[in-house]
């Protein structure tokens, strides 16, 4: 098994959304993959729109999410993922603990 390092360009300036309730940093991996690493603050209920397919990976805390236009809220906690198609929208709501995530694009 190869243990070659994965190189990434990190955008040092944060992406700040929803009046500071969501903050993330963009990563471009040497293999062409795009990701963002961020946090959504407790008590937030936010709607995101996608350009590309996205997979949200929870690395701390928890959230509830639903696709726009649906009634069912789904839970996502540490170690869990959920995916959203391109050109869609989804809502996230966060309880008492911040939701820490990695967003995988594509």
PDB file of N, CA and C in Angstrom:
ATOM      1  N   UNK A   1       0.842  -1.179   0.000  1.00  0.00           N
ATOM      2  CA  UNK A   1       0.000   0.000   0.000  1.00  0.00           C
ATOM      3  C   UNK A   1       0.884   1.238   0.000  1.00  0.00           C
ATOM      4  N   UNK A   2       0.630   2.143  -0.890  1.00  0.00           N
ATOM      5  CA  UNK A   2       1.397   3.378  -1.012  1.00  0.00           C
ATOM      6  C   UNK A   2       0.946   4.390   0.043  1.00  0.00           C
ATOM      7  N   UNK A   3       1.908   5.080   0.609  1.00  0.00           N
ATOM      8  CA  UNK A   3       1.602   6.125   1.592  1.00  0.00           C
ATOM      9  C   UNK A   3       2.097   7.470   1.100  1.00  0.00           C
ATOM     10  N   UNK A   4       1.866   7.738  -0.172  1.00  0.00           N
ATOM     11  CA  UNK A   4       2.263   9.024  -0.738  1.00  0.00           C
ATOM     12  C   UNK A   4       1.406  10.126  -0.136  1.00  0.00           C
ATOM     13  N   UNK A   5       2.012  11.250   0.163  1.00  0.00           N
ATOM     14  CA  UNK A   5       1.226  12.352   0.730  1.00  0.00           C
ATOM     15  C   UNK A   5       0.236  12.905  -0.298  1.00  0.00           C
ATOM     16  N   UNK A   6      -0.894  13.344   0.185  1.00  0.00           N
ATOM     17  CA  UNK A   6      -1.879  14.014  -0.663  1.00  0.00           C
ATOM     18  C   UNK A   6      -1.632  15.502  -0.518  1.00  0.00           C
ATOM     19  N   UNK A   7      -1.384  16.149  -1.626  1.00  0.00           N
ATOM     20  CA  UNK A   7      -1.130  17.578  -1.598  1.00  0.00           C
ATOM     21  C   UNK A   7      -2.420  18.332  -1.883  1.00  0.00           C
ATOM     22  N   UNK A   8      -2.573  19.458  -1.227  1.00  0.00           N
ATOM     23  CA  UNK A   8      -3.786  20.256  -1.406  1.00  0.00           C
ATOM     24  C   UNK A   8      -3.443  21.728  -1.339  1.00  0.00           C
ATOM     25  N   UNK A   9      -4.167  22.502  -2.135  1.00  0.00           N
ATOM     26  CA  UNK A   9      -4.118  23.963  -2.019  1.00  0.00           C
ATOM     27  C   UNK A   9      -5.296  24.366  -1.145  1.00  0.00           C
ATOM     28  N   UNK A  10      -5.012  25.124  -0.118  1.00  0.00           N
ATOM     29  CA  UNK A  10      -6.052  25.595   0.788  1.00  0.00           C
ATOM     30  C   UNK A  10      -6.250  27.083   0.543  1.00  0.00           C
ATOM     31  N   UNK A  11      -7.494  27.477   0.367  1.00  0.00           N
ATOM     32  CA  UNK A  11      -7.801  28.900   0.261  1.00  0.00           C
ATOM     33  C   UNK A  11      -7.809  29.451   1.683  1.00  0.00           C
ATOM     34  N   UNK A  12      -6.826  30.290   2.029  1.00  0.00           N
ATOM     35  CA  UNK A  12      -6.710  30.736   3.420  1.00  0.00           C
ATOM     36  C   UNK A  12      -7.836  31.661   3.877  1.00  0.00           C
ATOM     37  N   UNK A  13      -8.452  32.340   2.949  1.00  0.00           N
ATOM     38  CA  UNK A  13      -9.553  33.228   3.317  1.00  0.00           C
ATOM     39  C   UNK A  13     -10.827  32.391   3.456  1.00  0.00           C
ATOM     40  N   UNK A  14     -11.495  32.510   4.581  1.00  0.00           N
ATOM     41  CA  UNK A  14     -12.681  31.702   4.863  1.00  0.00           C
ATOM     42  C   UNK A  14     -13.859  32.122   3.995  1.00  0.00           C
ATOM     43  N   UNK A  15     -14.702  31.147   3.686  1.00  0.00           N
ATOM     44  CA  UNK A  15     -16.009  31.396   3.078  1.00  0.00           C
ATOM     45  C   UNK A  15     -16.969  31.581   4.250  1.00  0.00           C
ATOM     46  N   UNK A  16     -17.596  32.731   4.342  1.00  0.00           N
ATOM     47  CA  UNK A  16     -18.497  33.022   5.454  1.00  0.00           C
ATOM     48  C   UNK A  16     -19.891  33.238   4.881  1.00  0.00           C
ATOM     49  N   UNK A  17     -20.838  32.416   5.351  1.00  0.00           N
ATOM     50  CA  UNK A  17     -22.202  32.441   4.840  1.00  0.00           C
ATOM     51  C   UNK A  17     -23.188  32.708   5.982  1.00  0.00           C
ATOM     52  N   UNK A  18     -24.356  33.179   5.614  1.00  0.00           N
ATOM     53  CA  UNK A  18     -25.469  33.303   6.553  1.00  0.00           C
ATOM     54  C   UNK A  18     -25.064  34.091   7.804  1.00  0.00           C
ATOM     55  N   UNK A  19     -24.510  35.287   7.579  1.00  0.00           N
ATOM     56  CA  UNK A  19     -24.131  36.168   8.691  1.00  0.00           C
ATOM     57  C   UNK A  19     -23.194  35.496   9.689  1.00  0.00           C
ATOM     58  N   UNK A  20     -22.305  34.647   9.185  1.00  0.00           N
ATOM     59  CA  UNK A  20     -21.299  34.008  10.029  1.00  0.00           C
ATOM     60  C   UNK A  20     -21.740  32.721  10.690  1.00  0.00           C
ATOM     61  N   UNK A  21     -22.943  32.245  10.396  1.00  0.00           N
ATOM     62  CA  UNK A  21     -23.409  30.993  11.007  1.00  0.00           C
ATOM     63  C   UNK A  21     -22.796  29.758  10.361  1.00  0.00           C
ATOM     64  N   UNK A  22     -22.202  29.923   9.166  1.00  0.00           N
ATOM     65  CA  UNK A  22     -21.496  28.842   8.485  1.00  0.00           C
ATOM     66  C   UNK A  22     -20.170  29.401   7.975  1.00  0.00           C
ATOM     67  N   UNK A  23     -19.082  28.742   8.354  1.00  0.00           N
ATOM     68  CA  UNK A  23     -17.746  29.176   7.939  1.00  0.00           C
ATOM     69  C   UNK A  23     -17.005  27.957   7.408  1.00  0.00           C
ATOM     70  N   UNK A  24     -16.380  28.093   6.228  1.00  0.00           N
ATOM     71  CA  UNK A  24     -15.648  26.965   5.656  1.00  0.00           C
ATOM     72  C   UNK A  24     -14.396  27.449   4.935  1.00  0.00           C
ATOM     73  N   UNK A  25     -13.510  26.490   4.661  1.00  0.00           N
ATOM     74  CA  UNK A  25     -12.310  26.740   3.866  1.00  0.00           C
ATOM     75  C   UNK A  25     -12.305  25.761   2.694  1.00  0.00           C
ATOM     76  N   UNK A  26     -11.938  26.247   1.520  1.00  0.00           N
ATOM     77  CA  UNK A  26     -11.910  25.434   0.304  1.00  0.00           C
ATOM     78  C   UNK A  26     -10.568  24.746   0.149  1.00  0.00           C
ATOM     79  N   UNK A  27     -10.624  23.508  -0.349  1.00  0.00           N
ATOM     80  CA  UNK A  27      -9.427  22.717  -0.622  1.00  0.00           C
ATOM     81  C   UNK A  27      -9.477  22.215  -2.058  1.00  0.00           C
ATOM     82  N   UNK A  28      -8.341  22.251  -2.743  1.00  0.00           N
ATOM     83  CA  UNK A  28      -8.213  21.658  -4.074  1.00  0.00           C
ATOM     84  C   UNK A  28      -7.097  20.628  -3.971  1.00  0.00           C
ATOM     85  N   UNK A  29      -7.443  19.335  -4.037  1.00  0.00           N
ATOM     86  CA  UNK A  29      -6.450  18.285  -3.901  1.00  0.00           C
ATOM     87  C   UNK A  29      -5.674  18.108  -5.197  1.00  0.00           C
ATOM     88  N   UNK A  30      -4.449  17.588  -5.075  1.00  0.00           N
ATOM     89  CA  UNK A  30      -3.587  17.428  -6.250  1.00  0.00           C
ATOM     90  C   UNK A  30      -4.180  16.481  -7.281  1.00  0.00           C
ATOM     91  N   UNK A  31      -5.108  15.631  -6.896  1.00  0.00           N
ATOM     92  CA  UNK A  31      -5.765  14.707  -7.832  1.00  0.00           C
ATOM     93  C   UNK A  31      -6.970  15.342  -8.511  1.00  0.00           C
ATOM     94  N   UNK A  32      -7.212  16.631  -8.239  1.00  0.00           N
ATOM     95  CA  UNK A  32      -8.309  17.345  -8.878  1.00  0.00           C
ATOM     96  C   UNK A  32      -9.579  17.407  -8.068  1.00  0.00           C
ATOM     97  N   UNK A  33      -9.637  16.732  -6.938  1.00  0.00           N
ATOM     98  CA  UNK A  33     -10.838  16.740  -6.113  1.00  0.00           C
ATOM     99  C   UNK A  33     -11.004  18.088  -5.409  1.00  0.00           C
ATOM    100  N   UNK A  34     -12.265  18.502  -5.262  1.00  0.00           N
ATOM    101  CA  UNK A  34     -12.580  19.727  -4.511  1.00  0.00           C
ATOM    102  C   UNK A  34     -13.326  19.350  -3.242  1.00  0.00           C
ATOM    103  N   UNK A  35     -12.975  20.020  -2.153  1.00  0.00           N
ATOM    104  CA  UNK A  35     -13.629  19.798  -0.873  1.00  0.00           C
ATOM    105  C   UNK A  35     -13.707  21.123  -0.136  1.00  0.00           C
ATOM    106  N   UNK A  36     -14.561  21.167   0.868  1.00  0.00           N
ATOM    107  CA  UNK A  36     -14.518  22.269   1.820  1.00  0.00           C
ATOM    108  C   UNK A  36     -14.639  21.671   3.207  1.00  0.00           C
ATOM    109  N   UNK A  37     -14.031  22.329   4.161  1.00  0.00           N
ATOM    110  CA  UNK A  37     -14.047  21.907   5.555  1.00  0.00           C
ATOM    111  C   UNK A  37     -14.642  23.061   6.337  1.00  0.00           C
ATOM    112  N   UNK A  38     -15.680  22.766   7.133  1.00  0.00           N
ATOM    113  CA  UNK A  38     -16.318  23.883   7.807  1.00  0.00           C
ATOM    114  C   UNK A  38     -17.108  23.513   9.028  1.00  0.00           C
ATOM    115  N   UNK A  39     -17.805  24.521   9.527  1.00  0.00           N
ATOM    116  CA  UNK A  39     -18.623  24.376  10.722  1.00  0.00           C
ATOM    117  C   UNK A  39     -19.894  25.218  10.555  1.00  0.00           C
ATOM    118  N   UNK A  40     -21.004  24.658  11.041  1.00  0.00           N
ATOM    119  CA  UNK A  40     -22.264  25.395  11.109  1.00  0.00           C
ATOM    120  C   UNK A  40     -22.585  25.531  12.594  1.00  0.00           C
ATOM    121  N   UNK A  41     -22.836  26.748  13.014  1.00  0.00           N
ATOM    122  CA  UNK A  41     -23.018  27.035  14.431  1.00  0.00           C
ATOM    123  C   UNK A  41     -24.349  26.520  14.972  1.00  0.00           C
ATOM    124  N   UNK A  42     -24.381  26.236  16.276  1.00  0.00           N
ATOM    125  CA  UNK A  42     -25.613  25.755  16.906  1.00  0.00           C
ATOM    126  C   UNK A  42     -26.766  26.725  16.706  1.00  0.00           C
ATOM    127  N   UNK A  43     -27.958  26.159  16.641  1.00  0.00           N
ATOM    128  CA  UNK A  43     -29.165  26.963  16.512  1.00  0.00           C
ATOM    129  C   UNK A  43     -29.452  27.449  15.112  1.00  0.00           C
ATOM    130  N   UNK A  44     -28.627  27.040  14.147  1.00  0.00           N
ATOM    131  CA  UNK A  44     -28.804  27.500  12.770  1.00  0.00           C
ATOM    132  C   UNK A  44     -29.782  26.614  12.011  1.00  0.00           C
ATOM    133  N   UNK A  45     -30.519  27.227  11.103  1.00  0.00           N
ATOM    134  CA  UNK A  45     -31.357  26.533  10.144  1.00  0.00           C
ATOM    135  C   UNK A  45     -31.108  27.219   8.811  1.00  0.00           C
ATOM    136  N   UNK A  46     -30.376  26.531   7.912  1.00  0.00           N
ATOM    137  CA  UNK A  46     -29.862  27.164   6.700  1.00  0.00           C
ATOM    138  C   UNK A  46     -30.272  26.372   5.463  1.00  0.00           C
ATOM    139  N   UNK A  47     -30.431  27.065   4.333  1.00  0.00           N
ATOM    140  CA  UNK A  47     -30.721  26.425   3.055  1.00  0.00           C
ATOM    141  C   UNK A  47     -29.546  26.639   2.114  1.00  0.00           C
ATOM    142  N   UNK A  48     -29.032  25.543   1.563  1.00  0.00           N
ATOM    143  CA  UNK A  48     -27.906  25.572   0.635  1.00  0.00           C
ATOM    144  C   UNK A  48     -28.381  25.130  -0.741  1.00  0.00           C
ATOM    145  N   UNK A  49     -27.801  25.716  -1.782  1.00  0.00           N
ATOM    146  CA  UNK A  49     -28.062  25.311  -3.160  1.00  0.00           C
ATOM    147  C   UNK A  49     -26.781  24.707  -3.722  1.00  0.00           C
ATOM    148  N   UNK A  50     -26.920  23.669  -4.539  1.00  0.00           N
ATOM    149  CA  UNK A  50     -25.755  22.974  -5.093  1.00  0.00           C
ATOM    150  C   UNK A  50     -25.595  23.260  -6.577  1.00  0.00           C
ATOM    151  N   UNK A  51     -24.353  23.400  -7.007  1.00  0.00           N
ATOM    152  CA  UNK A  51     -24.024  23.462  -8.429  1.00  0.00           C
ATOM    153  C   UNK A  51     -23.587  22.086  -8.911  1.00  0.00           C
ATOM    154  N   UNK A  52     -22.793  21.416  -8.087  1.00  0.00           N
ATOM    155  CA  UNK A  52     -22.286  20.073  -8.362  1.00  0.00           C
ATOM    156  C   UNK A  52     -22.860  19.130  -7.311  1.00  0.00           C
ATOM    157  N   UNK A  53     -22.797  17.820  -7.554  1.00  0.00           N
ATOM    158  CA  UNK A  53     -23.198  16.890  -6.502  1.00  0.00           C
ATOM    159  C   UNK A  53     -22.330  17.114  -5.264  1.00  0.00           C
ATOM    160  N   UNK A  54     -22.933  16.970  -4.087  1.00  0.00           N
ATOM    161  CA  UNK A  54     -22.208  17.162  -2.838  1.00  0.00           C
ATOM    162  C   UNK A  54     -22.489  16.009  -1.889  1.00  0.00           C
ATOM    163  N   UNK A  55     -21.454  15.601  -1.176  1.00  0.00           N
ATOM    164  CA  UNK A  55     -21.607  14.659  -0.082  1.00  0.00           C
ATOM    165  C   UNK A  55     -21.104  15.337   1.173  1.00  0.00           C
ATOM    166  N   UNK A  56     -21.982  15.444   2.156  1.00  0.00           N
ATOM    167  CA  UNK A  56     -21.645  16.063   3.435  1.00  0.00           C
ATOM    168  C   UNK A  56     -21.253  14.958   4.407  1.00  0.00           C
ATOM    169  N   UNK A  57     -20.035  15.056   4.939  1.00  0.00           N
ATOM    170  CA  UNK A  57     -19.516  14.084   5.893  1.00  0.00           C
ATOM    171  C   UNK A  57     -19.404  14.763   7.259  1.00  0.00           C
ATOM    172  N   UNK A  58     -20.080  14.230   8.251  1.00  0.00           N
ATOM    173  CA  UNK A  58     -20.040  14.802   9.596  1.00  0.00           C
ATOM    174  C   UNK A  58     -18.788  14.316  10.325  1.00  0.00           C
ATOM    175  N   UNK A  59     -17.982  15.250  10.814  1.00  0.00           N
ATOM    176  CA  UNK A  59     -16.786  14.899  11.579  1.00  0.00           C
ATOM    177  C   UNK A  59     -16.898  15.346  13.033  1.00  0.00           C
ATOM    178  N   UNK A  60     -18.007  15.970  13.393  1.00  0.00           N
ATOM    179  CA  UNK A  60     -18.253  16.369  14.773  1.00  0.00           C
ATOM    180  C   UNK A  60     -19.627  16.982  14.894  1.00  0.00           C
ATOM    181  N   UNK A  61     -20.263  16.749  16.044  1.00  0.00           N
ATOM    182  CA  UNK A  61     -21.600  17.283  16.235  1.00  0.00           C
ATOM    183  C   UNK A  61     -22.620  16.478  15.461  1.00  0.00           C
ATOM    184  N   UNK A  62     -23.721  17.128  15.117  1.00  0.00           N
ATOM    185  CA  UNK A  62     -24.797  16.460  14.383  1.00  0.00           C
ATOM    186  C   UNK A  62     -25.688  17.521  13.749  1.00  0.00           C
ATOM    187  N   UNK A  63     -26.483  17.082  12.784  1.00  0.00           N
ATOM    188  CA  UNK A  63     -27.458  17.971  12.160  1.00  0.00           C
ATOM    189  C   UNK A  63     -28.662  17.154  11.732  1.00  0.00           C
ATOM    190  N   UNK A  64     -29.702  17.862  11.357  1.00  0.00           N
ATOM    191  CA  UNK A  64     -30.820  17.275  10.649  1.00  0.00           C
ATOM    192  C   UNK A  64     -30.852  17.948   9.294  1.00  0.00           C
ATOM    193  N   UNK A  65     -31.227  17.208   8.257  1.00  0.00           N
ATOM    194  CA  UNK A  65     -31.244  17.756   6.905  1.00  0.00           C
ATOM    195  C   UNK A  65     -32.443  17.200   6.144  1.00  0.00           C
ATOM    196  N   UNK A  66     -32.846  17.963   5.134  1.00  0.00           N
ATOM    197  CA  UNK A  66     -33.882  17.486   4.217  1.00  0.00           C
ATOM    198  C   UNK A  66     -33.691  18.165   2.876  1.00  0.00           C
ATOM    199  N   UNK A  67     -34.070  17.450   1.834  1.00  0.00           N
ATOM    200  CA  UNK A  67     -34.048  18.018   0.489  1.00  0.00           C
ATOM    201  C   UNK A  67     -35.183  19.010   0.382  1.00  0.00           C
ATOM    202  N   UNK A  68     -34.937  20.086  -0.346  1.00  0.00           N
ATOM    203  CA  UNK A  68     -35.978  21.104  -0.524  1.00  0.00           C
ATOM    204  C   UNK A  68     -37.195  20.463  -1.179  1.00  0.00           C
ATOM    205  N   UNK A  69     -38.357  20.806  -0.663  1.00  0.00           N
ATOM    206  CA  UNK A  69     -39.594  20.275  -1.205  1.00  0.00           C
ATOM    207  C   UNK A  69     -40.059  18.989  -0.550  1.00  0.00           C
ATOM    208  N   UNK A  70     -39.253  18.441   0.374  1.00  0.00           N
ATOM    209  CA  UNK A  70     -39.675  17.241   1.089  1.00  0.00           C
ATOM    210  C   UNK A  70     -40.022  17.608   2.528  1.00  0.00           C
ATOM    211  N   UNK A  71     -40.758  16.738   3.177  1.00  0.00           N
ATOM    212  CA  UNK A  71     -41.184  16.981   4.555  1.00  0.00           C
ATOM    213  C   UNK A  71     -40.313  16.252   5.585  1.00  0.00           C
ATOM    214  N   UNK A  72     -39.589  15.223   5.151  1.00  0.00           N
ATOM    215  CA  UNK A  72     -38.869  14.346   6.077  1.00  0.00           C
ATOM    216  C   UNK A  72     -37.503  14.898   6.444  1.00  0.00           C
ATOM    217  N   UNK A  73     -37.276  15.064   7.743  1.00  0.00           N
ATOM    218  CA  UNK A  73     -35.957  15.446   8.250  1.00  0.00           C
ATOM    219  C   UNK A  73     -35.176  14.170   8.547  1.00  0.00           C
ATOM    220  N   UNK A  74     -33.904  14.162   8.146  1.00  0.00           N
ATOM    221  CA  UNK A  74     -33.001  13.035   8.366  1.00  0.00           C
ATOM    222  C   UNK A  74     -31.902  13.469   9.322  1.00  0.00           C
ATOM    223  N   UNK A  75     -31.419  12.561  10.146  1.00  0.00           N
ATOM    224  CA  UNK A  75     -30.342  12.870  11.086  1.00  0.00           C
ATOM    225  C   UNK A  75     -29.001  12.450  10.508  1.00  0.00           C
ATOM    226  N   UNK A  76     -27.965  13.225  10.814  1.00  0.00           N
ATOM    227  CA  UNK A  76     -26.601  12.885  10.411  1.00  0.00           C
ATOM    228  C   UNK A  76     -25.671  13.252  11.561  1.00  0.00           C
ATOM    229  N   UNK A  77     -24.982  12.245  12.085  1.00  0.00           N
ATOM    230  CA  UNK A  77     -24.059  12.463  13.186  1.00  0.00           C
ATOM    231  C   UNK A  77     -22.640  12.101  12.792  1.00  0.00           C
ATOM    232  N   UNK A  78     -21.757  12.194  13.756  1.00  0.00           N
ATOM    233  CA  UNK A  78     -20.338  11.946  13.510  1.00  0.00           C
ATOM    234  C   UNK A  78     -20.130  10.600  12.826  1.00  0.00           C
ATOM    235  N   UNK A  79     -19.342  10.614  11.734  1.00  0.00           N
ATOM    236  CA  UNK A  79     -19.052   9.413  10.966  1.00  0.00           C
ATOM    237  C   UNK A  79     -20.079   9.103   9.889  1.00  0.00           C
ATOM    238  N   UNK A  80     -21.142   9.891   9.804  1.00  0.00           N
ATOM    239  CA  UNK A  80     -22.183   9.646   8.802  1.00  0.00           C
ATOM    240  C   UNK A  80     -22.079  10.656   7.657  1.00  0.00           C
ATOM    241  N   UNK A  81     -22.672  10.280   6.520  1.00  0.00           N
ATOM    242  CA  UNK A  81     -22.671  11.121   5.318  1.00  0.00           C
ATOM    243  C   UNK A  81     -24.072  11.171   4.729  1.00  0.00           C
ATOM    244  N   UNK A  82     -24.310  12.243   3.966  1.00  0.00           N
ATOM    245  CA  UNK A  82     -25.497  12.284   3.116  1.00  0.00           C
ATOM    246  C   UNK A  82     -25.118  13.003   1.827  1.00  0.00           C
ATOM    247  N   UNK A  83     -25.823  12.651   0.751  1.00  0.00           N
ATOM    248  CA  UNK A  83     -25.494  13.191  -0.565  1.00  0.00           C
ATOM    249  C   UNK A  83     -26.672  13.959  -1.142  1.00  0.00           C
ATOM    250  N   UNK A  84     -26.334  14.988  -1.935  1.00  0.00           N
ATOM    251  CA  UNK A  84     -27.322  15.836  -2.584  1.00  0.00           C
ATOM    252  C   UNK A  84     -26.911  15.977  -4.048  1.00  0.00           C
ATOM    253  N   UNK A  85     -27.849  15.865  -4.947  1.00  0.00           N
ATOM    254  CA  UNK A  85     -27.576  15.970  -6.383  1.00  0.00           C
ATOM    255  C   UNK A  85     -27.206  17.405  -6.773  1.00  0.00           C
ATOM    256  N   UNK A  86     -26.634  17.543  -7.959  1.00  0.00           N
ATOM    257  CA  UNK A  86     -26.334  18.871  -8.515  1.00  0.00           C
ATOM    258  C   UNK A  86     -27.634  19.615  -8.779  1.00  0.00           C
ATOM    259  N   UNK A  87     -27.564  20.935  -8.743  1.00  0.00           N
ATOM    260  CA  UNK A  87     -28.707  21.801  -9.042  1.00  0.00           C
ATOM    261  C   UNK A  87     -29.916  21.486  -8.167  1.00  0.00           C
ATOM    262  N   UNK A  88     -29.642  21.272  -6.897  1.00  0.00           N
ATOM    263  CA  UNK A  88     -30.694  20.993  -5.922  1.00  0.00           C
ATOM    264  C   UNK A  88     -30.520  21.946  -4.743  1.00  0.00           C
ATOM    265  N   UNK A  89     -31.376  21.817  -3.773  1.00  0.00           N
ATOM    266  CA  UNK A  89     -31.261  22.605  -2.547  1.00  0.00           C
ATOM    267  C   UNK A  89     -31.578  21.698  -1.370  1.00  0.00           C
ATOM    268  N   UNK A  90     -30.942  21.991  -0.243  1.00  0.00           N
ATOM    269  CA  UNK A  90     -31.216  21.243   0.970  1.00  0.00           C
ATOM    270  C   UNK A  90     -31.124  22.164   2.172  1.00  0.00           C
ATOM    271  N   UNK A  91     -31.846  21.785   3.203  1.00  0.00           N
ATOM    272  CA  UNK A  91     -31.845  22.541   4.448  1.00  0.00           C
ATOM    273  C   UNK A  91     -31.077  21.756   5.502  1.00  0.00           C
ATOM    274  N   UNK A  92     -30.366  22.476   6.342  1.00  0.00           N
ATOM    275  CA  UNK A  92     -29.691  21.883   7.501  1.00  0.00           C
ATOM    276  C   UNK A  92     -30.134  22.663   8.719  1.00  0.00           C
ATOM    277  N   UNK A  93     -30.440  21.931   9.793  1.00  0.00           N
ATOM    278  CA  UNK A  93     -30.664  22.585  11.075  1.00  0.00           C
ATOM    279  C   UNK A  93     -29.775  21.906  12.117  1.00  0.00           C
ATOM    280  N   UNK A  94     -29.227  22.741  12.983  1.00  0.00           N
ATOM    281  CA  UNK A  94     -28.227  22.291  13.954  1.00  0.00           C
ATOM    282  C   UNK A  94     -28.751  22.597  15.348  1.00  0.00           C
ATOM    283  N   UNK A  95     -28.652  21.622  16.231  1.00  0.00           N
ATOM    284  CA  UNK A  95     -29.132  21.780  17.607  1.00  0.00           C
ATOM    285  C   UNK A  95     -28.139  22.529  18.475  1.00  0.00           C
ATOM    286  N   UNK A  96     -27.867  21.990  19.652  1.00  0.00           N
ATOM    287  CA  UNK A  96     -27.071  22.673  20.678  1.00  0.00           C
ATOM    288  C   UNK A  96     -25.569  22.605  20.446  1.00  0.00           C
ATOM    289  N   UNK A  97     -25.108  21.683  19.612  1.00  0.00           N
ATOM    290  CA  UNK A  97     -23.676  21.518  19.363  1.00  0.00           C
ATOM    291  C   UNK A  97     -23.365  21.808  17.901  1.00  0.00           C
ATOM    292  N   UNK A  98     -22.275  22.503  17.643  1.00  0.00           N
ATOM    293  CA  UNK A  98     -21.887  22.844  16.269  1.00  0.00           C
ATOM    294  C   UNK A  98     -21.729  21.590  15.410  1.00  0.00           C
ATOM    295  N   UNK A  99     -22.063  21.726  14.128  1.00  0.00           N
ATOM    296  CA  UNK A  99     -21.928  20.653  13.134  1.00  0.00           C
ATOM    297  C   UNK A  99     -20.649  20.910  12.342  1.00  0.00           C
ATOM    298  N   UNK A 100     -19.678  20.009  12.465  1.00  0.00           N
ATOM    299  CA  UNK A 100     -18.402  20.113  11.758  1.00  0.00           C
ATOM    300  C   UNK A 100     -18.444  19.145  10.580  1.00  0.00           C
ATOM    301  N   UNK A 101     -18.036  19.607   9.408  1.00  0.00           N
ATOM    302  CA  UNK A 101     -18.209  18.781   8.218  1.00  0.00           C
ATOM    303  C   UNK A 101     -17.052  18.905   7.234  1.00  0.00           C
ATOM    304  N   UNK A 102     -16.994  17.901   6.357  1.00  0.00           N
ATOM    305  CA  UNK A 102     -16.206  17.957   5.127  1.00  0.00           C
ATOM    306  C   UNK A 102     -17.211  17.801   4.002  1.00  0.00           C
ATOM    307  N   UNK A 103     -17.213  18.730   3.070  1.00  0.00           N
ATOM    308  CA  UNK A 103     -18.082  18.635   1.902  1.00  0.00           C
ATOM    309  C   UNK A 103     -17.249  18.162   0.727  1.00  0.00           C
ATOM    310  N   UNK A 104     -17.649  17.033   0.153  1.00  0.00           N
ATOM    311  CA  UNK A 104     -16.972  16.445  -1.012  1.00  0.00           C
ATOM    312  C   UNK A 104     -17.786  16.815  -2.251  1.00  0.00           C
ATOM    313  N   UNK A 105     -17.159  17.479  -3.213  1.00  0.00           N
ATOM    314  CA  UNK A 105     -17.852  17.916  -4.425  1.00  0.00           C
ATOM    315  C   UNK A 105     -17.592  16.926  -5.551  1.00  0.00           C
ATOM    316  N   UNK A 106     -18.613  16.718  -6.386  1.00  0.00           N
ATOM    317  CA  UNK A 106     -18.449  15.897  -7.576  1.00  0.00           C
ATOM    318  C   UNK A 106     -18.906  14.488  -7.407  1.00  0.00           C
TER     319      UNK A 106
END
